[in-house]
Amino acid sequence: MDRTIAVIGHVDHGKTSLVKALTGVETDTLKEERERGLSIALGFASLAMEAGRLHFVDAPGHADFIQTVLMRYCWLFLWRMVCPLKPSST
């Protein structure tokens, strides 16, 4: 069964490092993120497991980017409501 985990916290608390350690994926993909050592946009990674996949959403922790985080989560929530992952059984 697939699960999605949002990794949210304050800046410099190791969120991106945790996701990289678990998945091997560097979620800071923008040039500016790598130069500043600071997540600016949401990052995505997944990990295959025997029971399914774990999908990680790595959120920026700096207050200047909170609007980006909130906007993206609202879209993800709306998408999840409109496009369910499982087809209905009716």
N, C-alpha and C. Protein backbone atom coordinates (compact mmCIF):
# COMPACT_ATOMS: atom_id res chain seq x y z
N MET A 1 0.84 -1.17 0.00
CA MET A 1 0.00 0.00 0.00
C MET A 1 0.89 1.24 0.00
N ASP A 2 0.59 2.18 -0.86
CA ASP A 2 1.37 3.42 -0.94
C ASP A 2 0.95 4.40 0.15
N ARG A 3 1.92 5.11 0.68
CA ARG A 3 1.68 6.14 1.70
C ARG A 3 2.48 7.38 1.34
N THR A 4 1.93 8.54 1.66
CA THR A 4 2.62 9.80 1.46
C THR A 4 2.92 10.43 2.81
N ILE A 5 4.16 10.85 2.99
CA ILE A 5 4.60 11.45 4.24
C ILE A 5 5.09 12.86 3.95
N ALA A 6 4.49 13.84 4.60
CA ALA A 6 4.94 15.23 4.48
C ALA A 6 5.99 15.48 5.56
N VAL A 7 7.16 15.95 5.15
CA VAL A 7 8.25 16.24 6.07
C VAL A 7 8.28 17.76 6.26
N ILE A 8 7.78 18.19 7.41
CA ILE A 8 7.60 19.62 7.68
C ILE A 8 8.31 19.95 8.99
N GLY A 9 8.97 21.08 9.04
CA GLY A 9 9.64 21.51 10.26
C GLY A 9 10.33 22.83 10.05
N HIS A 10 11.00 23.29 11.07
CA HIS A 10 11.70 24.57 11.02
C HIS A 10 12.95 24.44 10.16
N VAL A 11 13.42 25.57 9.66
CA VAL A 11 14.62 25.61 8.83
C VAL A 11 15.82 25.03 9.59
N ASP A 12 16.70 24.35 8.87
CA ASP A 12 17.93 23.76 9.41
C ASP A 12 17.70 22.68 10.47
N HIS A 13 16.64 21.92 10.33
CA HIS A 13 16.41 20.81 11.25
C HIS A 13 16.64 19.46 10.59
N GLY A 14 17.16 19.47 9.34
CA GLY A 14 17.58 18.22 8.71
C GLY A 14 16.51 17.48 7.93
N LYS A 15 15.45 18.16 7.52
CA LYS A 15 14.38 17.50 6.77
C LYS A 15 14.87 16.92 5.45
N THR A 16 15.57 17.73 4.68
CA THR A 16 16.07 17.28 3.38
C THR A 16 17.12 16.19 3.56
N SER A 17 17.95 16.32 4.55
CA SER A 17 18.97 15.29 4.82
C SER A 17 18.32 13.97 5.22
N LEU A 18 17.24 14.03 5.98
CA LEU A 18 16.51 12.81 6.38
C LEU A 18 15.93 12.12 5.16
N VAL A 19 15.29 12.88 4.29
CA VAL A 19 14.70 12.30 3.08
C VAL A 19 15.79 11.69 2.21
N LYS A 20 16.91 12.37 2.07
CA LYS A 20 18.02 11.85 1.27
C LYS A 20 18.59 10.57 1.88
N ALA A 21 18.72 10.54 3.21
CA ALA A 21 19.24 9.34 3.88
C ALA A 21 18.31 8.14 3.69
N LEU A 22 17.02 8.39 3.68
CA LEU A 22 16.04 7.30 3.54
C LEU A 22 15.88 6.83 2.11
N THR A 23 15.94 7.76 1.15
CA THR A 23 15.61 7.42 -0.24
C THR A 23 16.79 7.48 -1.20
N GLY A 24 17.85 8.20 -0.83
CA GLY A 24 18.96 8.41 -1.74
C GLY A 24 18.70 9.51 -2.75
N VAL A 25 17.57 10.22 -2.62
CA VAL A 25 17.18 11.26 -3.57
C VAL A 25 17.45 12.63 -2.97
N GLU A 26 18.14 13.48 -3.72
CA GLU A 26 18.37 14.87 -3.32
C GLU A 26 17.16 15.68 -3.77
N THR A 27 16.36 16.17 -2.83
CA THR A 27 15.13 16.88 -3.18
C THR A 27 15.34 18.37 -3.45
N ASP A 28 16.50 18.89 -3.11
CA ASP A 28 16.82 20.28 -3.48
C ASP A 28 17.38 20.27 -4.90
N THR A 29 16.51 20.51 -5.87
CA THR A 29 16.90 20.37 -7.28
C THR A 29 17.20 21.70 -7.95
N LEU A 30 16.76 22.81 -7.38
CA LEU A 30 17.01 24.12 -7.98
C LEU A 30 18.45 24.56 -7.72
N LYS A 31 19.04 25.24 -8.67
CA LYS A 31 20.40 25.74 -8.53
C LYS A 31 20.52 26.64 -7.30
N GLU A 32 19.54 27.53 -7.10
CA GLU A 32 19.56 28.45 -5.95
C GLU A 32 19.49 27.70 -4.62
N GLU A 33 18.74 26.61 -4.59
CA GLU A 33 18.66 25.81 -3.36
C GLU A 33 20.02 25.23 -3.01
N ARG A 34 20.70 24.70 -4.01
CA ARG A 34 22.01 24.11 -3.77
C ARG A 34 23.03 25.17 -3.37
N GLU A 35 22.97 26.34 -3.99
CA GLU A 35 23.91 27.42 -3.65
C GLU A 35 23.69 27.93 -2.23
N ARG A 36 22.43 28.08 -1.84
CA ARG A 36 22.11 28.65 -0.52
C ARG A 36 22.05 27.60 0.58
N GLY A 37 21.96 26.32 0.20
CA GLY A 37 21.81 25.27 1.20
C GLY A 37 20.48 25.36 1.92
N LEU A 38 19.44 25.75 1.17
CA LEU A 38 18.14 26.05 1.76
C LEU A 38 17.05 25.64 0.78
N SER A 39 16.09 24.83 1.23
CA SER A 39 14.98 24.43 0.36
C SER A 39 14.07 25.63 0.09
N ILE A 40 13.69 25.78 -1.18
CA ILE A 40 12.81 26.88 -1.58
C ILE A 40 11.48 26.33 -2.07
N ALA A 41 11.51 25.24 -2.81
CA ALA A 41 10.30 24.63 -3.36
C ALA A 41 10.10 23.26 -2.72
N LEU A 42 8.90 22.72 -2.87
CA LEU A 42 8.65 21.37 -2.39
C LEU A 42 9.53 20.39 -3.15
N GLY A 43 10.03 19.40 -2.44
CA GLY A 43 10.81 18.34 -3.06
C GLY A 43 10.07 17.02 -2.92
N PHE A 44 10.29 16.12 -3.86
CA PHE A 44 9.57 14.84 -3.86
C PHE A 44 10.55 13.70 -4.02
N ALA A 45 10.31 12.62 -3.27
CA ALA A 45 11.13 11.41 -3.36
C ALA A 45 10.25 10.24 -2.96
N SER A 46 10.65 9.05 -3.38
CA SER A 46 9.89 7.87 -2.97
C SER A 46 10.84 6.72 -2.68
N LEU A 47 10.33 5.79 -1.92
CA LEU A 47 11.11 4.63 -1.49
C LEU A 47 10.27 3.39 -1.70
N ALA A 48 10.77 2.44 -2.49
CA ALA A 48 10.07 1.18 -2.72
C ALA A 48 10.29 0.26 -1.53
N MET A 49 9.20 -0.29 -1.04
CA MET A 49 9.27 -1.25 0.06
C MET A 49 8.47 -2.48 -0.34
N GLU A 50 8.61 -3.54 0.40
CA GLU A 50 7.90 -4.77 0.07
C GLU A 50 6.38 -4.58 0.06
N ALA A 51 5.87 -3.79 0.98
CA ALA A 51 4.42 -3.60 1.10
C ALA A 51 3.88 -2.47 0.22
N GLY A 52 4.74 -1.77 -0.49
CA GLY A 52 4.30 -0.67 -1.33
C GLY A 52 5.37 0.40 -1.39
N ARG A 53 4.96 1.62 -1.66
CA ARG A 53 5.92 2.73 -1.77
C ARG A 53 5.61 3.79 -0.72
N LEU A 54 6.68 4.38 -0.19
CA LEU A 54 6.56 5.56 0.66
C LEU A 54 6.95 6.76 -0.19
N HIS A 55 6.06 7.73 -0.27
CA HIS A 55 6.32 8.95 -1.03
C HIS A 55 6.56 10.07 -0.02
N PHE A 56 7.63 10.81 -0.19
CA PHE A 56 7.98 11.90 0.72
C PHE A 56 7.80 13.24 0.02
N VAL A 57 7.17 14.17 0.72
CA VAL A 57 7.08 15.56 0.28
C VAL A 57 7.91 16.37 1.25
N ASP A 58 9.03 16.90 0.78
CA ASP A 58 9.97 17.66 1.61
C ASP A 58 9.64 19.14 1.48
N ALA A 59 9.20 19.74 2.58
CA ALA A 59 8.75 21.14 2.56
C ALA A 59 9.85 22.09 3.05
N PRO A 60 9.93 23.28 2.44
CA PRO A 60 10.87 24.29 2.96
C PRO A 60 10.48 24.68 4.38
N GLY A 61 11.48 24.98 5.20
CA GLY A 61 11.20 25.34 6.58
C GLY A 61 11.31 26.82 6.88
N HIS A 62 11.79 27.61 5.93
CA HIS A 62 11.98 29.04 6.17
C HIS A 62 10.67 29.79 6.03
N ALA A 63 10.42 30.73 6.92
CA ALA A 63 9.17 31.49 6.94
C ALA A 63 8.91 32.23 5.63
N ASP A 64 9.95 32.64 4.92
CA ASP A 64 9.77 33.35 3.65
C ASP A 64 9.11 32.49 2.58
N PHE A 65 9.15 31.17 2.75
CA PHE A 65 8.62 30.28 1.72
C PHE A 65 7.34 29.57 2.16
N ILE A 66 6.74 29.97 3.26
CA ILE A 66 5.56 29.30 3.77
C ILE A 66 4.37 29.41 2.81
N GLN A 67 4.27 30.53 2.09
CA GLN A 67 3.17 30.66 1.12
C GLN A 67 3.27 29.60 0.03
N THR A 68 4.47 29.32 -0.43
CA THR A 68 4.67 28.27 -1.43
C THR A 68 4.21 26.94 -0.88
N VAL A 69 4.60 26.64 0.34
CA VAL A 69 4.23 25.37 0.96
C VAL A 69 2.72 25.25 1.08
N LEU A 70 2.07 26.27 1.61
CA LEU A 70 0.62 26.21 1.80
C LEU A 70 -0.12 26.09 0.48
N MET A 71 0.31 26.83 -0.52
CA MET A 71 -0.34 26.77 -1.83
C MET A 71 -0.22 25.37 -2.42
N ARG A 72 0.97 24.79 -2.36
CA ARG A 72 1.18 23.45 -2.93
C ARG A 72 0.39 22.39 -2.18
N TYR A 73 0.34 22.48 -0.86
CA TYR A 73 -0.43 21.50 -0.10
C TYR A 73 -1.91 21.60 -0.40
N CYS A 74 -2.40 22.82 -0.58
CA CYS A 74 -3.82 22.98 -0.95
C CYS A 74 -4.10 22.30 -2.28
N TRP A 75 -3.20 22.47 -3.25
CA TRP A 75 -3.38 21.82 -4.54
C TRP A 75 -3.30 20.30 -4.42
N LEU A 76 -2.37 19.81 -3.62
CA LEU A 76 -2.26 18.36 -3.42
C LEU A 76 -3.53 17.80 -2.78
N PHE A 77 -4.07 18.52 -1.80
CA PHE A 77 -5.30 18.09 -1.13
C PHE A 77 -6.46 18.07 -2.12
N LEU A 78 -6.58 19.13 -2.92
CA LEU A 78 -7.65 19.21 -3.91
C LEU A 78 -7.51 18.10 -4.94
N TRP A 79 -6.29 17.86 -5.42
CA TRP A 79 -6.05 16.80 -6.39
C TRP A 79 -6.44 15.45 -5.82
N ARG A 80 -6.12 15.24 -4.57
CA ARG A 80 -6.44 13.96 -3.92
C ARG A 80 -7.95 13.75 -3.82
N MET A 81 -8.70 14.85 -3.62
CA MET A 81 -10.16 14.75 -3.55
C MET A 81 -10.76 14.48 -4.93
N VAL A 82 -10.22 15.12 -5.95
CA VAL A 82 -10.77 15.01 -7.30
C VAL A 82 -10.30 13.74 -7.99
N CYS A 83 -9.07 13.33 -7.75
CA CYS A 83 -8.48 12.15 -8.41
C CYS A 83 -8.09 11.13 -7.36
N PRO A 84 -9.05 10.38 -6.82
CA PRO A 84 -8.69 9.39 -5.80
C PRO A 84 -7.71 8.37 -6.33
N LEU A 85 -6.87 7.85 -5.44
CA LEU A 85 -5.85 6.90 -5.85
C LEU A 85 -6.43 5.52 -6.16
N LYS A 86 -7.55 5.18 -5.53
CA LYS A 86 -8.20 3.90 -5.78
C LYS A 86 -9.52 4.15 -6.50
N PRO A 87 -9.84 3.36 -7.51
CA PRO A 87 -11.16 3.50 -8.14
C PRO A 87 -12.24 3.05 -7.16
N SER A 88 -13.39 3.68 -7.23
CA SER A 88 -14.47 3.30 -6.32
C SER A 88 -14.97 1.91 -6.66
N SER A 89 -15.53 1.25 -5.69
CA SER A 89 -16.00 -0.12 -5.88
C SER A 89 -17.45 -0.18 -6.34
N THR A 90 -18.04 0.95 -6.69
CA THR A 90 -19.44 0.94 -7.13
C THR A 90 -19.56 0.76 -8.62
